[in-house]
Amino acid sequence: MKESCVINPQRLPGEPQLPATGILAVNPSDKHSFSHLAQRYDLQRSFLFNAHLYASDRFFVAGPAVGAPMAAICLEKLIVLGASKIVLYGWCGSLTPALRVGDVFVPTSAFSEEGTSSHYQVKEVVADVLSDVLAAALATWGLEPKKGCIWTTDAVYRETREKIKRYSADGILAVDMEFAALQAVARFRGVSLAAVLLVSDELYAAEWNPNYRQKNFRACSHNLLARLCNFMQTMT
């Protein structure tokens, strides 16, 4: 029960009142875009644990927050500051040839193999209507996102070939470290959350194909984040 928790998220004196809509960009690489975005959209910086938080009266962008526990802590704070329509932006690994590096993925459900979501007493982790809104916007940009189930794990160094083969056979398309937990937090707190994930690596082949180190991939990621920021200004 919420009422029995010893520690609860709070808006403290001096902390901002956030607009309803914004982006939680979890990857450290994308934080290098924040100062540019702040200048472009006149965003003001505030404290957010060991992450960054920039906001205007229209939208906010926050991050990084790698992994389910840290991402959930940041999301809890964003919600208590006023966020109610949150877009998770990050990267994911592909478990199937149907999803290749550079593709955009919008998860519609999740298989949780992390330790955070179970604390939020949510039986099923599924995306809400915000996912459809985002998918429609991405399609107008010519990106045509893939949709499906994602596997969320805490242990990137325990993504075994056996699991990848089994989960892929079960229809799971991708893997990340945050979505299931953040969706659980969002449902528990009664807010909307959806994710836009850029495929950064392929795990299904005989050899792992990590593309996130490439400059062109990171440029693509920064560009997609900027387009999402532009889109957030139009949301109400």
Protein backbone atom coordinates (compact mmCIF):
# COMPACT_ATOMS: atom_id res chain seq x y z
CA MET A 1 0.00 0.00 0.00
CA LYS A 2 1.19 3.52 -0.78
CA GLU A 3 0.17 4.70 2.69
CA SER A 4 2.44 2.24 4.50
CA CYS A 5 5.67 3.30 2.80
CA VAL A 6 8.23 4.89 5.11
CA ILE A 7 9.72 7.05 2.34
CA ASN A 8 7.52 8.70 -0.27
CA PRO A 9 8.45 10.95 -3.21
CA GLN A 10 7.99 14.63 -2.39
CA ARG A 11 8.20 17.99 -4.08
CA LEU A 12 10.56 19.92 -1.82
CA PRO A 13 10.75 23.70 -1.36
CA GLY A 14 12.47 25.33 -4.32
CA GLU A 15 11.89 22.42 -6.68
CA PRO A 16 10.11 23.16 -9.97
CA GLN A 17 6.53 22.43 -10.91
CA LEU A 18 6.96 20.47 -14.12
CA PRO A 19 4.67 20.53 -17.14
CA ALA A 20 2.68 17.37 -17.69
CA THR A 21 4.64 16.14 -20.71
CA GLY A 22 8.29 15.28 -21.05
CA ILE A 23 11.04 12.82 -21.88
CA LEU A 24 13.16 10.59 -19.67
CA ALA A 25 16.24 9.87 -21.80
CA VAL A 26 18.06 7.10 -19.97
CA ASN A 27 21.29 6.69 -21.97
CA PRO A 28 24.38 8.65 -20.85
CA SER A 29 25.34 9.30 -24.48
CA ASP A 30 22.24 11.42 -25.04
CA LYS A 31 22.95 13.77 -22.14
CA HIS A 32 25.42 15.54 -24.45
CA SER A 33 22.38 16.81 -26.37
CA PHE A 34 20.77 18.38 -23.31
CA SER A 35 22.61 21.71 -23.27
CA HIS A 36 21.87 22.24 -26.97
CA LEU A 37 18.21 21.35 -26.43
CA ALA A 38 18.07 23.67 -23.43
CA GLN A 39 19.26 26.58 -25.55
CA ARG A 40 16.97 25.73 -28.45
CA TYR A 41 13.81 25.42 -26.34
CA ASP A 42 14.71 27.80 -23.49
CA LEU A 43 14.74 25.04 -20.88
CA GLN A 44 15.82 25.80 -17.32
CA ARG A 45 18.01 23.33 -15.43
CA SER A 46 17.06 21.85 -12.05
CA PHE A 47 18.44 19.17 -9.74
CA LEU A 48 17.49 15.53 -10.30
CA PHE A 49 19.72 13.20 -8.25
CA ASN A 50 22.75 12.31 -10.42
CA ALA A 51 20.83 13.07 -13.62
CA HIS A 52 19.93 16.28 -15.46
CA LEU A 53 16.54 17.96 -15.59
CA TYR A 54 15.67 20.73 -18.02
CA ALA A 55 12.17 22.17 -18.29
CA SER A 56 10.04 24.94 -19.76
CA ASP A 57 6.33 25.54 -19.29
CA ARG A 58 5.70 23.22 -22.28
CA PHE A 59 7.82 20.11 -21.68
CA PHE A 60 10.82 18.70 -19.84
CA VAL A 61 13.75 16.43 -20.65
CA ALA A 62 15.54 14.42 -17.96
CA GLY A 63 18.28 11.83 -17.69
CA PRO A 64 20.40 9.83 -17.88
CA ALA A 65 19.13 7.07 -15.62
CA VAL A 66 20.52 3.68 -16.60
CA GLY A 67 18.87 0.55 -15.22
CA ALA A 68 15.50 -0.07 -13.64
CA PRO A 69 16.23 1.08 -10.04
CA MET A 70 17.71 4.49 -10.93
CA ALA A 71 15.20 5.09 -13.72
CA ALA A 72 12.31 4.30 -11.36
CA ILE A 73 13.65 6.71 -8.73
CA CYS A 74 13.91 9.47 -11.34
CA LEU A 75 10.42 8.73 -12.68
CA GLU A 76 8.93 8.86 -9.18
CA LYS A 77 10.46 12.30 -8.70
CA LEU A 78 9.29 13.54 -12.09
CA ILE A 79 5.74 12.41 -11.31
CA VAL A 80 5.62 14.15 -7.94
CA LEU A 81 6.92 17.32 -9.65
CA GLY A 82 3.96 17.22 -12.04
CA ALA A 83 4.75 14.84 -14.92
CA SER A 84 1.80 12.79 -16.15
CA LYS A 85 2.67 11.98 -19.81
CA ILE A 86 6.19 10.63 -19.97
CA VAL A 87 8.13 9.28 -22.93
CA LEU A 88 11.00 6.93 -22.20
CA TYR A 89 13.68 7.42 -24.82
CA GLY A 90 16.52 4.92 -24.96
CA TRP A 91 18.18 2.10 -26.84
CA CYS A 92 17.41 -1.59 -27.08
CA GLY A 93 19.00 -4.77 -28.37
CA SER A 94 17.30 -6.88 -31.02
CA LEU A 95 16.48 -10.57 -30.52
CA THR A 96 15.30 -11.14 -34.08
CA PRO A 97 16.33 -10.35 -37.68
CA ALA A 98 12.98 -8.57 -38.01
CA LEU A 99 14.48 -5.77 -35.90
CA ARG A 100 17.76 -4.33 -37.13
CA VAL A 101 20.22 -1.70 -35.91
CA GLY A 102 18.78 1.74 -36.55
CA ASP A 103 15.16 0.61 -36.44
CA VAL A 104 12.78 2.35 -34.07
CA PHE A 105 10.89 0.15 -31.61
CA VAL A 106 7.79 1.02 -29.59
CA PRO A 107 7.20 -1.68 -26.94
CA THR A 108 3.58 -2.64 -26.34
CA SER A 109 4.22 -5.09 -23.49
CA ALA A 110 7.12 -6.35 -21.41
CA PHE A 111 8.55 -9.44 -19.82
CA SER A 112 10.17 -8.38 -16.57
CA GLU A 113 13.45 -9.93 -15.49
CA GLU A 114 14.44 -6.99 -13.28
CA GLY A 115 13.91 -6.48 -9.57
CA THR A 116 12.06 -3.18 -9.43
CA SER A 117 8.65 -3.67 -11.04
CA SER A 118 7.50 -6.38 -8.62
CA HIS A 119 7.54 -3.84 -5.78
CA TYR A 120 4.79 -1.86 -7.52
CA GLN A 121 2.16 -4.61 -7.35
CA VAL A 122 1.33 -4.44 -11.03
CA LYS A 123 0.19 -7.75 -12.49
CA GLU A 124 0.65 -6.99 -16.19
CA VAL A 125 3.05 -4.61 -17.89
CA VAL A 126 1.45 -3.20 -21.02
CA ALA A 127 1.73 0.13 -22.79
CA ASP A 128 -1.13 2.63 -22.86
CA VAL A 129 -2.64 4.79 -25.61
CA LEU A 130 0.36 7.14 -25.52
CA SER A 131 2.25 4.42 -27.41
CA ASP A 132 -0.19 4.69 -30.30
CA VAL A 133 0.16 8.48 -30.35
CA LEU A 134 3.94 8.18 -30.54
CA ALA A 135 3.84 5.45 -33.18
CA ALA A 136 1.59 7.61 -35.35
CA ALA A 137 3.95 10.58 -34.99
CA LEU A 138 6.99 8.47 -35.85
CA ALA A 139 5.22 7.17 -38.95
CA THR A 140 4.64 10.73 -40.18
CA TRP A 141 8.43 11.22 -39.93
CA GLY A 142 8.93 8.21 -42.20
CA LEU A 143 10.29 6.00 -39.40
CA GLU A 144 7.50 3.34 -39.27
CA PRO A 145 8.29 1.89 -35.82
CA LYS A 146 8.16 -1.81 -35.08
CA LYS A 147 5.95 -2.83 -32.16
CA GLY A 148 5.92 -5.76 -29.77
CA CYS A 149 7.04 -7.25 -26.50
CA ILE A 150 10.35 -6.36 -24.83
CA TRP A 151 12.43 -8.21 -22.24
CA THR A 152 13.67 -5.94 -19.46
CA THR A 153 16.69 -7.16 -17.52
CA ASP A 154 19.05 -5.87 -14.83
CA ALA A 155 21.92 -8.07 -15.97
CA VAL A 156 23.36 -7.14 -19.36
CA TYR A 157 26.20 -9.63 -18.88
CA ARG A 158 23.72 -12.47 -18.37
CA GLU A 159 21.90 -12.18 -21.69
CA THR A 160 22.71 -15.76 -22.68
CA ARG A 161 22.26 -17.30 -26.10
CA GLU A 162 19.79 -19.76 -24.58
CA LYS A 163 17.61 -16.96 -23.25
CA ILE A 164 17.78 -14.99 -26.48
CA LYS A 165 16.71 -18.03 -28.50
CA ARG A 166 13.92 -18.95 -26.06
CA TYR A 167 12.52 -15.45 -25.66
CA SER A 168 12.68 -14.80 -29.39
CA ALA A 169 10.73 -18.01 -29.99
CA ASP A 170 8.14 -16.72 -27.51
CA GLY A 171 7.67 -13.60 -29.62
CA ILE A 172 9.81 -11.17 -27.63
CA LEU A 173 11.53 -8.82 -30.07
CA ALA A 174 13.97 -6.75 -28.02
CA VAL A 175 15.77 -6.28 -24.71
CA ASP A 176 16.35 -3.21 -22.54
CA MET A 177 16.99 -2.32 -18.89
CA GLU A 178 14.17 0.07 -17.95
CA PHE A 179 10.81 -0.25 -19.72
CA ALA A 180 9.05 -2.90 -17.61
CA ALA A 181 9.94 -1.15 -14.36
CA LEU A 182 8.98 2.32 -15.58
CA GLN A 183 5.67 1.07 -16.95
CA ALA A 184 4.96 -0.55 -13.58
CA VAL A 185 5.70 2.72 -11.76
CA ALA A 186 3.51 4.65 -14.20
CA ARG A 187 0.55 2.31 -13.80
CA PHE A 188 0.92 2.31 -10.01
CA ARG A 189 0.98 6.11 -9.93
CA GLY A 190 -1.80 6.54 -12.49
CA VAL A 191 0.17 8.34 -15.21
CA SER A 192 0.83 7.62 -18.88
CA LEU A 193 4.17 6.32 -20.10
CA ALA A 194 5.35 5.03 -23.45
CA ALA A 195 8.74 4.30 -24.95
CA VAL A 196 10.58 5.08 -28.16
CA LEU A 197 13.68 2.90 -28.40
CA LEU A 198 16.39 2.96 -31.04
CA VAL A 199 17.87 -0.46 -31.86
CA SER A 200 21.55 -0.20 -30.93
CA ASP A 201 22.75 -3.79 -31.26
CA GLU A 202 21.78 -7.22 -32.56
CA LEU A 203 22.06 -10.24 -30.28
CA TYR A 204 20.44 -12.97 -32.38
CA ALA A 205 23.32 -13.69 -34.78
CA ALA A 206 26.33 -15.93 -34.24
CA GLU A 207 28.28 -12.86 -33.15
CA TRP A 208 26.99 -9.89 -31.21
CA ASN A 209 26.71 -6.76 -33.36
CA PRO A 210 27.08 -3.63 -31.20
CA ASN A 211 26.55 -0.52 -33.29
CA TYR A 212 26.11 2.05 -30.53
CA ARG A 213 29.82 2.94 -30.60
CA GLN A 214 29.53 4.27 -34.15
CA LYS A 215 29.37 8.04 -34.66
CA ASN A 216 26.56 7.76 -37.19
CA PHE A 217 24.43 5.80 -34.74
CA ARG A 218 24.95 8.35 -31.97
CA ALA A 219 24.15 11.17 -34.37
CA CYS A 220 20.96 9.36 -35.29
CA SER A 221 20.09 8.98 -31.61
CA HIS A 222 20.68 12.67 -30.89
CA ASN A 223 18.56 13.61 -33.91
CA LEU A 224 15.69 11.38 -32.83
CA LEU A 225 15.77 12.83 -29.31
CA ALA A 226 15.61 16.34 -30.78
CA ARG A 227 12.61 15.41 -32.91
CA LEU A 228 10.87 13.94 -29.89
CA CYS A 229 11.49 17.17 -27.98
CA ASN A 230 9.92 19.11 -30.83
CA PHE A 231 6.92 16.76 -30.75
CA MET A 232 6.52 17.12 -26.97
CA GLN A 233 5.83 20.82 -27.42
CA THR A 234 2.67 19.95 -29.35
CA MET A 235 1.28 17.54 -26.75
CA THR A 236 -1.33 18.66 -24.23
